[in-house]
Each structure stands twice: as structure tokens, then as C-alpha cells.
PDB file of N, CA and C in Angstrom:
ATOM      1  N   UNK A   1      -0.437 -36.678  78.458  1.00  0.00           N
ATOM      2  CA  UNK A   1      -1.797 -36.323  78.801  1.00  0.00           C
ATOM      3  C   UNK A   1      -1.994 -34.803  78.705  1.00  0.00           C
ATOM      4  N   UNK A   2      -0.997 -34.049  79.116  1.00  0.00           N
ATOM      5  CA  UNK A   2      -1.104 -32.589  79.084  1.00  0.00           C
ATOM      6  C   UNK A   2      -1.216 -32.087  77.639  1.00  0.00           C
ATOM      7  N   UNK A   3      -0.472 -32.717  76.707  1.00  0.00           N
ATOM      8  CA  UNK A   3      -0.551 -32.331  75.299  1.00  0.00           C
ATOM      9  C   UNK A   3      -1.931 -32.646  74.730  1.00  0.00           C
ATOM     10  N   UNK A   4      -2.495 -33.771  75.132  1.00  0.00           N
ATOM     11  CA  UNK A   4      -3.818 -34.164  74.650  1.00  0.00           C
ATOM     12  C   UNK A   4      -4.881 -33.163  75.121  1.00  0.00           C
ATOM     13  N   UNK A   5      -4.820 -32.775  76.384  1.00  0.00           N
ATOM     14  CA  UNK A   5      -5.782 -31.803  76.908  1.00  0.00           C
ATOM     15  C   UNK A   5      -5.633 -30.449  76.212  1.00  0.00           C
ATOM     16  N   UNK A   6      -4.403 -30.047  75.940  1.00  0.00           N
ATOM     17  CA  UNK A   6      -4.161 -28.788  75.235  1.00  0.00           C
ATOM     18  C   UNK A   6      -4.749 -28.841  73.828  1.00  0.00           C
ATOM     19  N   UNK A   7      -4.534 -29.952  73.147  1.00  0.00           N
ATOM     20  CA  UNK A   7      -5.088 -30.124  71.805  1.00  0.00           C
ATOM     21  C   UNK A   7      -6.612 -30.142  71.835  1.00  0.00           C
ATOM     22  N   UNK A   8      -7.180 -30.845  72.785  1.00  0.00           N
ATOM     23  CA  UNK A   8      -8.635 -30.916  72.926  1.00  0.00           C
ATOM     24  C   UNK A   8      -9.219 -29.528  73.199  1.00  0.00           C
ATOM     25  N   UNK A   9      -8.579 -28.772  74.066  1.00  0.00           N
ATOM     26  CA  UNK A   9      -9.027 -27.416  74.372  1.00  0.00           C
ATOM     27  C   UNK A   9      -8.937 -26.520  73.136  1.00  0.00           C
ATOM     28  N   UNK A  10      -7.871 -26.641  72.383  1.00  0.00           N
ATOM     29  CA  UNK A  10      -7.697 -25.828  71.178  1.00  0.00           C
ATOM     30  C   UNK A  10      -8.770 -26.149  70.143  1.00  0.00           C
ATOM     31  N   UNK A  11      -9.088 -27.431  69.978  1.00  0.00           N
ATOM     32  CA  UNK A  11     -10.126 -27.826  69.021  1.00  0.00           C
ATOM     33  C   UNK A  11     -11.489 -27.301  69.483  1.00  0.00           C
ATOM     34  N   UNK A  12     -11.777 -27.425  70.767  1.00  0.00           N
ATOM     35  CA  UNK A  12     -13.054 -26.939  71.305  1.00  0.00           C
ATOM     36  C   UNK A  12     -13.173 -25.426  71.125  1.00  0.00           C
ATOM     37  N   UNK A  13     -12.113 -24.712  71.377  1.00  0.00           N
ATOM     38  CA  UNK A  13     -12.124 -23.256  71.210  1.00  0.00           C
ATOM     39  C   UNK A  13     -12.309 -22.869  69.747  1.00  0.00           C
ATOM     40  N   UNK A  14     -11.620 -23.561  68.863  1.00  0.00           N
ATOM     41  CA  UNK A  14     -11.748 -23.271  67.436  1.00  0.00           C
ATOM     42  C   UNK A  14     -13.166 -23.556  66.950  1.00  0.00           C
ATOM     43  N   UNK A  15     -13.740 -24.644  67.417  1.00  0.00           N
ATOM     44  CA  UNK A  15     -15.106 -24.980  67.011  1.00  0.00           C
ATOM     45  C   UNK A  15     -16.108 -23.934  67.499  1.00  0.00           C
ATOM     46  N   UNK A  16     -15.957 -23.514  68.752  1.00  0.00           N
ATOM     47  CA  UNK A  16     -16.903 -22.529  69.288  1.00  0.00           C
ATOM     48  C   UNK A  16     -16.791 -21.195  68.551  1.00  0.00           C
ATOM     49  N   UNK A  17     -15.585 -20.791  68.184  1.00  0.00           N
ATOM     50  CA  UNK A  17     -15.419 -19.532  67.453  1.00  0.00           C
ATOM     51  C   UNK A  17     -15.962 -19.641  66.028  1.00  0.00           C
ATOM     52  N   UNK A  18     -15.776 -20.776  65.404  1.00  0.00           N
ATOM     53  CA  UNK A  18     -16.258 -20.928  64.035  1.00  0.00           C
ATOM     54  C   UNK A  18     -17.784 -21.010  63.988  1.00  0.00           C
ATOM     55  N   UNK A  19     -18.405 -21.588  65.003  1.00  0.00           N
ATOM     56  CA  UNK A  19     -19.867 -21.676  65.013  1.00  0.00           C
ATOM     57  C   UNK A  19     -20.490 -20.290  65.125  1.00  0.00           C
ATOM     58  N   UNK A  20     -19.859 -19.397  65.863  1.00  0.00           N
ATOM     59  CA  UNK A  20     -20.355 -18.017  65.969  1.00  0.00           C
ATOM     60  C   UNK A  20     -20.237 -17.330  64.617  1.00  0.00           C
ATOM     61  N   UNK A  21     -19.171 -17.572  63.919  1.00  0.00           N
ATOM     62  CA  UNK A  21     -18.970 -16.972  62.604  1.00  0.00           C
ATOM     63  C   UNK A  21     -20.036 -17.444  61.629  1.00  0.00           C
ATOM     64  N   UNK A  22     -20.336 -18.729  61.645  1.00  0.00           N
ATOM     65  CA  UNK A  22     -21.363 -19.259  60.752  1.00  0.00           C
ATOM     66  C   UNK A  22     -22.736 -18.714  61.111  1.00  0.00           C
ATOM     67  N   UNK A  23     -23.002 -18.554  62.382  1.00  0.00           N
ATOM     68  CA  UNK A  23     -24.299 -18.029  62.806  1.00  0.00           C
ATOM     69  C   UNK A  23     -24.492 -16.605  62.297  1.00  0.00           C
ATOM     70  N   UNK A  24     -23.464 -15.780  62.326  1.00  0.00           N
ATOM     71  CA  UNK A  24     -23.585 -14.418  61.832  1.00  0.00           C
ATOM     72  C   UNK A  24     -23.817 -14.402  60.330  1.00  0.00           C
ATOM     73  N   UNK A  25     -23.190 -15.308  59.615  1.00  0.00           N
ATOM     74  CA  UNK A  25     -23.368 -15.382  58.170  1.00  0.00           C
ATOM     75  C   UNK A  25     -24.791 -15.753  57.808  1.00  0.00           C
ATOM     76  N   UNK A  26     -25.389 -16.668  58.550  1.00  0.00           N
ATOM     77  CA  UNK A  26     -26.767 -17.063  58.306  1.00  0.00           C
ATOM     78  C   UNK A  26     -27.731 -15.936  58.608  1.00  0.00           C
ATOM     79  N   UNK A  27     -27.449 -15.167  59.638  1.00  0.00           N
ATOM     80  CA  UNK A  27     -28.317 -14.055  59.996  1.00  0.00           C
ATOM     81  C   UNK A  27     -28.317 -13.009  58.883  1.00  0.00           C
ATOM     82  N   UNK A  28     -27.173 -12.759  58.305  1.00  0.00           N
ATOM     83  CA  UNK A  28     -27.092 -11.784  57.218  1.00  0.00           C
ATOM     84  C   UNK A  28     -27.887 -12.272  56.010  1.00  0.00           C
ATOM     85  N   UNK A  29     -27.804 -13.543  55.702  1.00  0.00           N
ATOM     86  CA  UNK A  29     -28.571 -14.090  54.583  1.00  0.00           C
ATOM     87  C   UNK A  29     -30.059 -13.985  54.854  1.00  0.00           C
ATOM     88  N   UNK A  30     -30.461 -14.243  56.078  1.00  0.00           N
ATOM     89  CA  UNK A  30     -31.874 -14.166  56.438  1.00  0.00           C
ATOM     90  C   UNK A  30     -32.379 -12.736  56.282  1.00  0.00           C
ATOM     91  N   UNK A  31     -31.592 -11.766  56.718  1.00  0.00           N
ATOM     92  CA  UNK A  31     -31.992 -10.368  56.586  1.00  0.00           C
ATOM     93  C   UNK A  31     -32.136  -9.982  55.119  1.00  0.00           C
ATOM     94  N   UNK A  32     -31.189 -10.415  54.284  1.00  0.00           N
ATOM     95  CA  UNK A  32     -31.263 -10.111  52.857  1.00  0.00           C
ATOM     96  C   UNK A  32     -32.491 -10.759  52.238  1.00  0.00           C
ATOM     97  N   UNK A  33     -32.768 -11.980  52.627  1.00  0.00           N
ATOM     98  CA  UNK A  33     -33.922 -12.691  52.089  1.00  0.00           C
ATOM     99  C   UNK A  33     -35.216 -11.993  52.483  1.00  0.00           C
ATOM    100  N   UNK A  34     -35.279 -11.548  53.730  1.00  0.00           N
ATOM    101  CA  UNK A  34     -36.474 -10.844  54.188  1.00  0.00           C
ATOM    102  C   UNK A  34     -36.662  -9.536  53.435  1.00  0.00           C
ATOM    103  N   UNK A  35     -35.560  -8.821  53.206  1.00  0.00           N
ATOM    104  CA  UNK A  35     -35.645  -7.550  52.478  1.00  0.00           C
ATOM    105  C   UNK A  35     -36.112  -7.784  51.050  1.00  0.00           C
ATOM    106  N   UNK A  36     -35.584  -8.838  50.410  1.00  0.00           N
ATOM    107  CA  UNK A  36     -35.987  -9.142  49.039  1.00  0.00           C
ATOM    108  C   UNK A  36     -37.464  -9.519  48.987  1.00  0.00           C
ATOM    109  N   UNK A  37     -37.910 -10.328  49.928  1.00  0.00           N
ATOM    110  CA  UNK A  37     -39.309 -10.749  49.960  1.00  0.00           C
ATOM    111  C   UNK A  37     -40.228  -9.546  50.171  1.00  0.00           C
ATOM    112  N   UNK A  38     -39.801  -8.648  51.049  1.00  0.00           N
ATOM    113  CA  UNK A  38     -40.607  -7.453  51.312  1.00  0.00           C
ATOM    114  C   UNK A  38     -40.691  -6.570  50.071  1.00  0.00           C
ATOM    115  N   UNK A  39     -39.565  -6.435  49.368  1.00  0.00           N
ATOM    116  CA  UNK A  39     -39.546  -5.626  48.152  1.00  0.00           C
ATOM    117  C   UNK A  39     -40.424  -6.244  47.068  1.00  0.00           C
ATOM    118  N   UNK A  40     -40.371  -7.571  46.939  1.00  0.00           N
ATOM    119  CA  UNK A  40     -41.212  -8.252  45.944  1.00  0.00           C
ATOM    120  C   UNK A  40     -42.689  -8.086  46.285  1.00  0.00           C
ATOM    121  N   UNK A  41     -43.015  -8.203  47.561  1.00  0.00           N
ATOM    122  CA  UNK A  41     -44.404  -8.056  47.992  1.00  0.00           C
ATOM    123  C   UNK A  41     -44.907  -6.640  47.701  1.00  0.00           C
ATOM    124  N   UNK A  42     -44.055  -5.664  47.975  1.00  0.00           N
ATOM    125  CA  UNK A  42     -44.416  -4.266  47.723  1.00  0.00           C
ATOM    126  C   UNK A  42     -44.631  -4.023  46.232  1.00  0.00           C
ATOM    127  N   UNK A  43     -43.760  -4.593  45.404  1.00  0.00           N
ATOM    128  CA  UNK A  43     -43.888  -4.441  43.956  1.00  0.00           C
ATOM    129  C   UNK A  43     -45.172  -5.103  43.451  1.00  0.00           C
ATOM    130  N   UNK A  44     -45.508  -6.250  44.015  1.00  0.00           N
ATOM    131  CA  UNK A  44     -46.725  -6.948  43.604  1.00  0.00           C
ATOM    132  C   UNK A  44     -47.964  -6.131  43.971  1.00  0.00           C
ATOM    133  N   UNK A  45     -47.956  -5.536  45.164  1.00  0.00           N
ATOM    134  CA  UNK A  45     -49.086  -4.700  45.569  1.00  0.00           C
ATOM    135  C   UNK A  45     -49.227  -3.494  44.649  1.00  0.00           C
ATOM    136  N   UNK A  46     -48.100  -2.879  44.318  1.00  0.00           N
ATOM    137  CA  UNK A  46     -48.110  -1.713  43.444  1.00  0.00           C
ATOM    138  C   UNK A  46     -48.660  -2.076  42.063  1.00  0.00           C
ATOM    139  N   UNK A  47     -48.239  -3.230  41.555  1.00  0.00           N
ATOM    140  CA  UNK A  47     -48.701  -3.681  40.248  1.00  0.00           C
ATOM    141  C   UNK A  47     -50.201  -3.968  40.273  1.00  0.00           C
ATOM    142  N   UNK A  48     -50.671  -4.618  41.328  1.00  0.00           N
ATOM    143  CA  UNK A  48     -52.095  -4.923  41.450  1.00  0.00           C
ATOM    144  C   UNK A  48     -52.918  -3.637  41.532  1.00  0.00           C
ATOM    145  N   UNK A  49     -52.411  -2.658  42.259  1.00  0.00           N
ATOM    146  CA  UNK A  49     -53.114  -1.383  42.387  1.00  0.00           C
ATOM    147  C   UNK A  49     -53.202  -0.676  41.034  1.00  0.00           C
ATOM    148  N   UNK A  50     -52.104  -0.730  40.289  1.00  0.00           N
ATOM    149  CA  UNK A  50     -52.067  -0.093  38.971  1.00  0.00           C
ATOM    150  C   UNK A  50     -53.059  -0.772  38.020  1.00  0.00           C
ATOM    151  N   UNK A  51     -53.090  -2.108  38.055  1.00  0.00           N
ATOM    152  CA  UNK A  51     -54.019  -2.849  37.197  1.00  0.00           C
ATOM    153  C   UNK A  51     -55.464  -2.526  37.555  1.00  0.00           C
ATOM    154  N   UNK A  52     -55.741  -2.389  38.848  1.00  0.00           N
ATOM    155  CA  UNK A  52     -57.089  -2.071  39.286  1.00  0.00           C
ATOM    156  C   UNK A  52     -57.510  -0.688  38.789  1.00  0.00           C
ATOM    157  N   UNK A  53     -56.578   0.263  38.831  1.00  0.00           N
ATOM    158  CA  UNK A  53     -56.863   1.608  38.327  1.00  0.00           C
ATOM    159  C   UNK A  53     -57.176   1.569  36.836  1.00  0.00           C
ATOM    160  N   UNK A  54     -56.381   0.796  36.099  1.00  0.00           N
ATOM    161  CA  UNK A  54     -56.593   0.690  34.659  1.00  0.00           C
ATOM    162  C   UNK A  54     -57.950   0.070  34.344  1.00  0.00           C
ATOM    163  N   UNK A  55     -58.347  -0.940  35.120  1.00  0.00           N
ATOM    164  CA  UNK A  55     -59.658  -1.559  34.910  1.00  0.00           C
ATOM    165  C   UNK A  55     -60.780  -0.555  35.160  1.00  0.00           C
ATOM    166  N   UNK A  56     -60.631   0.250  36.201  1.00  0.00           N
ATOM    167  CA  UNK A  56     -61.647   1.257  36.497  1.00  0.00           C
ATOM    168  C   UNK A  56     -61.746   2.279  35.367  1.00  0.00           C
ATOM    169  N   UNK A  57     -60.579   2.670  34.810  1.00  0.00           N
ATOM    170  CA  UNK A  57     -60.582   3.614  33.694  1.00  0.00           C
ATOM    171  C   UNK A  57     -61.299   3.018  32.488  1.00  0.00           C
ATOM    172  N   UNK A  58     -61.024   1.750  32.197  1.00  0.00           N
ATOM    173  CA  UNK A  58     -61.671   1.088  31.063  1.00  0.00           C
ATOM    174  C   UNK A  58     -63.177   0.998  31.261  1.00  0.00           C
ATOM    175  N   UNK A  59     -63.607   0.684  32.471  1.00  0.00           N
ATOM    176  CA  UNK A  59     -65.050   0.608  32.760  1.00  0.00           C
ATOM    177  C   UNK A  59     -65.691   1.978  32.593  1.00  0.00           C
ATOM    178  N   UNK A  60     -64.982   2.991  33.036  1.00  0.00           N
ATOM    179  CA  UNK A  60     -65.512   4.345  32.915  1.00  0.00           C
ATOM    180  C   UNK A  60     -65.651   4.730  31.440  1.00  0.00           C
ATOM    181  N   UNK A  61     -64.654   4.371  30.627  1.00  0.00           N
ATOM    182  CA  UNK A  61     -64.714   4.659  29.195  1.00  0.00           C
ATOM    183  C   UNK A  61     -65.887   3.937  28.555  1.00  0.00           C
ATOM    184  N   UNK A  62     -66.106   2.666  28.932  1.00  0.00           N
ATOM    185  CA  UNK A  62     -67.216   1.910  28.385  1.00  0.00           C
ATOM    186  C   UNK A  62     -68.545   2.529  28.766  1.00  0.00           C
ATOM    187  N   UNK A  63     -68.654   2.993  30.017  1.00  0.00           N
ATOM    188  CA  UNK A  63     -69.885   3.644  30.457  1.00  0.00           C
ATOM    189  C   UNK A  63     -70.123   4.936  29.709  1.00  0.00           C
ATOM    190  N   UNK A  64     -69.062   5.708  29.455  1.00  0.00           N
ATOM    191  CA  UNK A  64     -69.185   6.964  28.726  1.00  0.00           C
ATOM    192  C   UNK A  64     -69.578   6.706  27.277  1.00  0.00           C
ATOM    193  N   UNK A  65     -69.035   5.648  26.666  1.00  0.00           N
ATOM    194  CA  UNK A  65     -69.368   5.326  25.280  1.00  0.00           C
ATOM    195  C   UNK A  65     -70.801   4.822  25.161  1.00  0.00           C
ATOM    196  N   UNK A  66     -71.301   4.142  26.164  1.00  0.00           N
ATOM    197  CA  UNK A  66     -72.648   3.593  26.131  1.00  0.00           C
ATOM    198  C   UNK A  66     -73.698   4.729  26.198  1.00  0.00           C
ATOM    199  N   UNK A  67     -73.334   5.829  26.773  1.00  0.00           N
ATOM    200  CA  UNK A  67     -74.269   6.957  26.893  1.00  0.00           C
ATOM    201  C   UNK A  67     -74.379   7.633  25.613  1.00  0.00           C
TER     202      UNK A  67
END
């Protein structure tokens, strides 16, 4: 019985330590994913702003040519 309890305790301890390790790994992936999403969002905003500027320039050129 004493050997069984020792084995059970060892398995429980190993499981609890491994679950903490997996939790930290998931947190790191989540942080990386958030950083990538933020960078993509920032790039999309920058691209949209650039396109809007170009459209304004084209409209201005058309207005100048019409005069």
C-alpha cells in the first residue's frame, strides 16, 4: 500500500508540474499571436491611409486639369 501511495503521489506531482509548463507555452503563443495581429492591423491602417492620400492626389490632379 505504501508503494502504491508513493507512486500515486509521484504521478500527481508530475502531472501538476507538466500542466504548468503547458500553460506557459500557451501563454507565449497567445502573446505572439496578439503581436502579429496588432502588426497586421497597423500595416492595414497604414496601407489604407496611403491609398486615401493617393486618391486625394488624383482628384486634385483631375480638378486642376478641368480648370
